[in-house]
């Protein structure tokens, strides 16, 4: 069975790689130190600290496996020379009420709503892919539809 490729920006790939490195080095060492302290305290049968350390170790290792899989399947999208909205585009749109909003179109694993980074697979992301400045789209959202006009497309 072929595993699906994960399109992402260079920045998103680098962030995942940095996170993986942190988990494999710094975080593993922190958990090891915590586990060592719990072991030094004595009886492990009723040691909440040891149980917590084991749980943290398990969660850390699971996250490492997940990130390694994502990085293995990653396909870095070349953002240069794109014509229209694509992965890595910083865009500005105006809605039907005249309100302007800015987004960055990113891969699924790079989404950060607080930083206006939306997935290329989200309703707005899908509707805008390939569009050019001046194009208008209607997006189906959970609470109805919204109309947007694309004002700007920038690739850093």
C-alpha atoms as a PDB file:
ATOM      1  CA  UNK A   1       0.000   0.000   0.000  1.00  0.00           C
ATOM      2  CA  UNK A   2       1.392   3.394  -1.002  1.00  0.00           C
ATOM      3  CA  UNK A   3       1.347   5.963   1.742  1.00  0.00           C
ATOM      4  CA  UNK A   4       0.061   9.399   0.880  1.00  0.00           C
ATOM      5  CA  UNK A   5       2.601  12.143   0.319  1.00  0.00           C
ATOM      6  CA  UNK A   6       2.334  15.221   2.523  1.00  0.00           C
ATOM      7  CA  UNK A   7       2.824  18.482   0.636  1.00  0.00           C
ATOM      8  CA  UNK A   8       4.359  21.162   2.841  1.00  0.00           C
ATOM      9  CA  UNK A   9       6.368  24.321   2.701  1.00  0.00           C
ATOM     10  CA  UNK A  10      10.115  24.398   3.399  1.00  0.00           C
ATOM     11  CA  UNK A  11       9.392  26.291   6.638  1.00  0.00           C
ATOM     12  CA  UNK A  12       6.882  23.644   7.727  1.00  0.00           C
ATOM     13  CA  UNK A  13       9.330  20.840   6.945  1.00  0.00           C
ATOM     14  CA  UNK A  14      12.120  22.564   8.863  1.00  0.00           C
ATOM     15  CA  UNK A  15       9.833  23.148  11.856  1.00  0.00           C
ATOM     16  CA  UNK A  16       8.889  19.445  11.954  1.00  0.00           C
ATOM     17  CA  UNK A  17      12.572  18.468  11.694  1.00  0.00           C
ATOM     18  CA  UNK A  18      13.485  20.854  14.533  1.00  0.00           C
ATOM     19  CA  UNK A  19      10.686  19.456  16.695  1.00  0.00           C
ATOM     20  CA  UNK A  20      11.825  15.901  15.985  1.00  0.00           C
ATOM     21  CA  UNK A  21      15.404  16.783  16.899  1.00  0.00           C
ATOM     22  CA  UNK A  22      14.212  18.389  20.160  1.00  0.00           C
ATOM     23  CA  UNK A  23      12.171  15.301  21.087  1.00  0.00           C
ATOM     24  CA  UNK A  24      15.040  12.931  20.299  1.00  0.00           C
ATOM     25  CA  UNK A  25      17.650  14.906  22.222  1.00  0.00           C
ATOM     26  CA  UNK A  26      16.494  17.415  24.823  1.00  0.00           C
ATOM     27  CA  UNK A  27      13.137  15.850  25.664  1.00  0.00           C
ATOM     28  CA  UNK A  28      14.498  12.299  25.906  1.00  0.00           C
ATOM     29  CA  UNK A  29      17.203  13.568  28.263  1.00  0.00           C
ATOM     30  CA  UNK A  30      14.654  15.427  30.422  1.00  0.00           C
ATOM     31  CA  UNK A  31      12.494  12.320  30.709  1.00  0.00           C
ATOM     32  CA  UNK A  32      15.542  10.179  31.499  1.00  0.00           C
ATOM     33  CA  UNK A  33      16.544  12.576  34.296  1.00  0.00           C
ATOM     34  CA  UNK A  34      12.976  12.547  35.650  1.00  0.00           C
ATOM     35  CA  UNK A  35      12.910   8.750  35.516  1.00  0.00           C
ATOM     36  CA  UNK A  36      16.287   8.583  37.281  1.00  0.00           C
ATOM     37  CA  UNK A  37      14.971  10.774  40.089  1.00  0.00           C
ATOM     38  CA  UNK A  38      11.906   8.569  40.458  1.00  0.00           C
ATOM     39  CA  UNK A  39      14.084   5.435  40.557  1.00  0.00           C
ATOM     40  CA  UNK A  40      16.292   6.994  43.225  1.00  0.00           C
ATOM     41  CA  UNK A  41      13.234   7.573  45.413  1.00  0.00           C
ATOM     42  CA  UNK A  42      12.862   3.819  45.994  1.00  0.00           C
ATOM     43  CA  UNK A  43       9.741   1.652  45.773  1.00  0.00           C
ATOM     44  CA  UNK A  44       8.491   1.748  42.165  1.00  0.00           C
ATOM     45  CA  UNK A  45       5.286  -0.201  42.818  1.00  0.00           C
ATOM     46  CA  UNK A  46       3.544   2.888  44.153  1.00  0.00           C
ATOM     47  CA  UNK A  47       5.621   5.639  42.574  1.00  0.00           C
ATOM     48  CA  UNK A  48       3.422   8.205  40.856  1.00  0.00           C
ATOM     49  CA  UNK A  49       6.566  10.014  39.681  1.00  0.00           C
ATOM     50  CA  UNK A  50       7.882   6.859  37.977  1.00  0.00           C
ATOM     51  CA  UNK A  51       4.484   6.156  36.383  1.00  0.00           C
ATOM     52  CA  UNK A  52       4.374   9.748  35.117  1.00  0.00           C
ATOM     53  CA  UNK A  53       7.879   9.470  33.688  1.00  0.00           C
ATOM     54  CA  UNK A  54       6.969   6.236  31.893  1.00  0.00           C
ATOM     55  CA  UNK A  55       3.830   7.870  30.468  1.00  0.00           C
ATOM     56  CA  UNK A  56       5.859  10.874  29.257  1.00  0.00           C
ATOM     57  CA  UNK A  57       8.417   8.532  27.704  1.00  0.00           C
ATOM     58  CA  UNK A  58       5.687   6.620  25.881  1.00  0.00           C
ATOM     59  CA  UNK A  59       4.046   9.812  24.579  1.00  0.00           C
ATOM     60  CA  UNK A  60       7.413  11.223  23.464  1.00  0.00           C
ATOM     61  CA  UNK A  61       8.333   8.059  21.571  1.00  0.00           C
ATOM     62  CA  UNK A  62       4.923   7.949  19.890  1.00  0.00           C
ATOM     63  CA  UNK A  63       5.328  11.568  18.773  1.00  0.00           C
ATOM     64  CA  UNK A  64       8.815  10.798  17.433  1.00  0.00           C
ATOM     65  CA  UNK A  65       7.405   7.945  15.338  1.00  0.00           C
ATOM     66  CA  UNK A  66       4.633  10.220  14.051  1.00  0.00           C
ATOM     67  CA  UNK A  67       7.049  13.012  13.075  1.00  0.00           C
ATOM     68  CA  UNK A  68       9.462  10.591  11.402  1.00  0.00           C
ATOM     69  CA  UNK A  69       6.565   9.260   9.325  1.00  0.00           C
ATOM     70  CA  UNK A  70       5.445  12.769   8.356  1.00  0.00           C
ATOM     71  CA  UNK A  71       8.966  13.789   7.359  1.00  0.00           C
ATOM     72  CA  UNK A  72       9.438  10.588   5.377  1.00  0.00           C
ATOM     73  CA  UNK A  73       6.249  11.304   3.404  1.00  0.00           C
ATOM     74  CA  UNK A  74       6.920  15.044   3.064  1.00  0.00           C
ATOM     75  CA  UNK A  75       7.043  16.624  -0.358  1.00  0.00           C
ATOM     76  CA  UNK A  76       8.394  20.151  -0.188  1.00  0.00           C
ATOM     77  CA  UNK A  77       6.492  22.389  -2.551  1.00  0.00           C
ATOM     78  CA  UNK A  78       8.580  24.856  -4.530  1.00  0.00           C
ATOM     79  CA  UNK A  79       6.849  28.136  -3.875  1.00  0.00           C
ATOM     80  CA  UNK A  80       8.816  30.173  -6.389  1.00  0.00           C
ATOM     81  CA  UNK A  81       7.324  30.905  -9.761  1.00  0.00           C
ATOM     82  CA  UNK A  82       3.791  29.892  -8.869  1.00  0.00           C
ATOM     83  CA  UNK A  83       1.052  31.617 -10.788  1.00  0.00           C
ATOM     84  CA  UNK A  84      -1.900  32.117  -8.494  1.00  0.00           C
ATOM     85  CA  UNK A  85      -2.639  30.811  -5.011  1.00  0.00           C
ATOM     86  CA  UNK A  86      -0.717  27.726  -3.941  1.00  0.00           C
ATOM     87  CA  UNK A  87       0.964  26.236  -0.930  1.00  0.00           C
ATOM     88  CA  UNK A  88       3.075  28.872   0.824  1.00  0.00           C
ATOM     89  CA  UNK A  89       1.119  31.843  -0.562  1.00  0.00           C
ATOM     90  CA  UNK A  90       0.385  34.757   1.709  1.00  0.00           C
ATOM     91  CA  UNK A  91      -2.921  36.121   0.539  1.00  0.00           C
ATOM     92  CA  UNK A  92      -5.276  38.955   1.282  1.00  0.00           C
ATOM     93  CA  UNK A  93      -9.005  38.682   0.588  1.00  0.00           C
ATOM     94  CA  UNK A  94     -12.033  40.933   1.001  1.00  0.00           C
ATOM     95  CA  UNK A  95     -15.359  39.487   2.052  1.00  0.00           C
ATOM     96  CA  UNK A  96     -18.796  40.679   0.891  1.00  0.00           C
ATOM     97  CA  UNK A  97     -18.987  43.187   3.778  1.00  0.00           C
ATOM     98  CA  UNK A  98     -15.703  44.789   2.745  1.00  0.00           C
ATOM     99  CA  UNK A  99     -13.642  43.294   5.567  1.00  0.00           C
ATOM    100  CA  UNK A 100     -10.099  42.413   4.553  1.00  0.00           C
ATOM    101  CA  UNK A 101      -8.425  39.306   5.948  1.00  0.00           C
ATOM    102  CA  UNK A 102      -4.954  37.891   5.464  1.00  0.00           C
ATOM    103  CA  UNK A 103      -4.054  34.192   5.385  1.00  0.00           C
ATOM    104  CA  UNK A 104      -1.142  31.972   4.567  1.00  0.00           C
ATOM    105  CA  UNK A 105      -1.936  28.754   2.712  1.00  0.00           C
ATOM    106  CA  UNK A 106      -0.004  25.879   4.300  1.00  0.00           C
ATOM    107  CA  UNK A 107       0.033  22.089   4.421  1.00  0.00           C
ATOM    108  CA  UNK A 108      -2.222  20.216   6.816  1.00  0.00           C
ATOM    109  CA  UNK A 109       0.474  19.769   9.475  1.00  0.00           C
ATOM    110  CA  UNK A 110       1.443  23.452   9.440  1.00  0.00           C
ATOM    111  CA  UNK A 111      -1.961  24.906  10.338  1.00  0.00           C
ATOM    112  CA  UNK A 112      -1.967  27.587  13.035  1.00  0.00           C
ATOM    113  CA  UNK A 113      -5.278  29.416  13.211  1.00  0.00           C
ATOM    114  CA  UNK A 114      -3.894  31.992  15.650  1.00  0.00           C
ATOM    115  CA  UNK A 115      -1.285  32.986  13.051  1.00  0.00           C
ATOM    116  CA  UNK A 116      -3.809  32.873  10.162  1.00  0.00           C
ATOM    117  CA  UNK A 117      -2.139  29.822   8.604  1.00  0.00           C
ATOM    118  CA  UNK A 118      -4.895  27.793   6.974  1.00  0.00           C
ATOM    119  CA  UNK A 119      -4.696  24.431   5.281  1.00  0.00           C
ATOM    120  CA  UNK A 120      -4.803  24.043   1.549  1.00  0.00           C
ATOM    121  CA  UNK A 121      -7.418  21.363   2.340  1.00  0.00           C
ATOM    122  CA  UNK A 122      -9.717  23.726   4.299  1.00  0.00           C
ATOM    123  CA  UNK A 123     -12.829  25.062   2.541  1.00  0.00           C
ATOM    124  CA  UNK A 124     -11.260  28.509   2.055  1.00  0.00           C
ATOM    125  CA  UNK A 125      -7.884  27.047   1.043  1.00  0.00           C
ATOM    126  CA  UNK A 126      -9.444  24.712  -1.517  1.00  0.00           C
ATOM    127  CA  UNK A 127     -11.613  27.455  -2.985  1.00  0.00           C
ATOM    128  CA  UNK A 128      -8.638  29.790  -3.446  1.00  0.00           C
ATOM    129  CA  UNK A 129      -6.092  27.325  -4.863  1.00  0.00           C
ATOM    130  CA  UNK A 130      -5.053  28.416  -8.350  1.00  0.00           C
ATOM    131  CA  UNK A 131      -6.957  31.700  -8.163  1.00  0.00           C
ATOM    132  CA  UNK A 132      -5.345  34.985  -9.177  1.00  0.00           C
ATOM    133  CA  UNK A 133      -5.661  38.552  -7.918  1.00  0.00           C
ATOM    134  CA  UNK A 134      -9.104  39.892  -8.786  1.00  0.00           C
ATOM    135  CA  UNK A 135     -10.803  36.472  -8.811  1.00  0.00           C
ATOM    136  CA  UNK A 136     -13.879  35.974  -6.645  1.00  0.00           C
ATOM    137  CA  UNK A 137     -14.939  32.735  -4.962  1.00  0.00           C
ATOM    138  CA  UNK A 138     -17.881  31.499  -2.952  1.00  0.00           C
ATOM    139  CA  UNK A 139     -16.872  29.233  -0.107  1.00  0.00           C
ATOM    140  CA  UNK A 140     -19.207  26.773   1.567  1.00  0.00           C
ATOM    141  CA  UNK A 141     -18.676  27.057   5.325  1.00  0.00           C
ATOM    142  CA  UNK A 142     -20.406  25.224   8.187  1.00  0.00           C
ATOM    143  CA  UNK A 143     -22.653  28.244   8.818  1.00  0.00           C
ATOM    144  CA  UNK A 144     -23.475  28.976   5.178  1.00  0.00           C
ATOM    145  CA  UNK A 145     -21.493  30.450   2.348  1.00  0.00           C
ATOM    146  CA  UNK A 146     -19.084  33.368   2.156  1.00  0.00           C
ATOM    147  CA  UNK A 147     -17.904  35.357  -0.849  1.00  0.00           C
ATOM    148  CA  UNK A 148     -14.272  36.466  -1.112  1.00  0.00           C
ATOM    149  CA  UNK A 149     -12.349  38.529  -3.643  1.00  0.00           C
ATOM    150  CA  UNK A 150      -8.630  37.853  -3.869  1.00  0.00           C
ATOM    151  CA  UNK A 151      -6.689  41.113  -3.401  1.00  0.00           C
ATOM    152  CA  UNK A 152      -3.081  39.976  -3.083  1.00  0.00           C
ATOM    153  CA  UNK A 153      -0.864  36.902  -3.499  1.00  0.00           C
ATOM    154  CA  UNK A 154       2.708  36.998  -2.223  1.00  0.00           C
ATOM    155  CA  UNK A 155       5.369  34.288  -1.924  1.00  0.00           C
ATOM    156  CA  UNK A 156       8.324  34.988   0.390  1.00  0.00           C
END
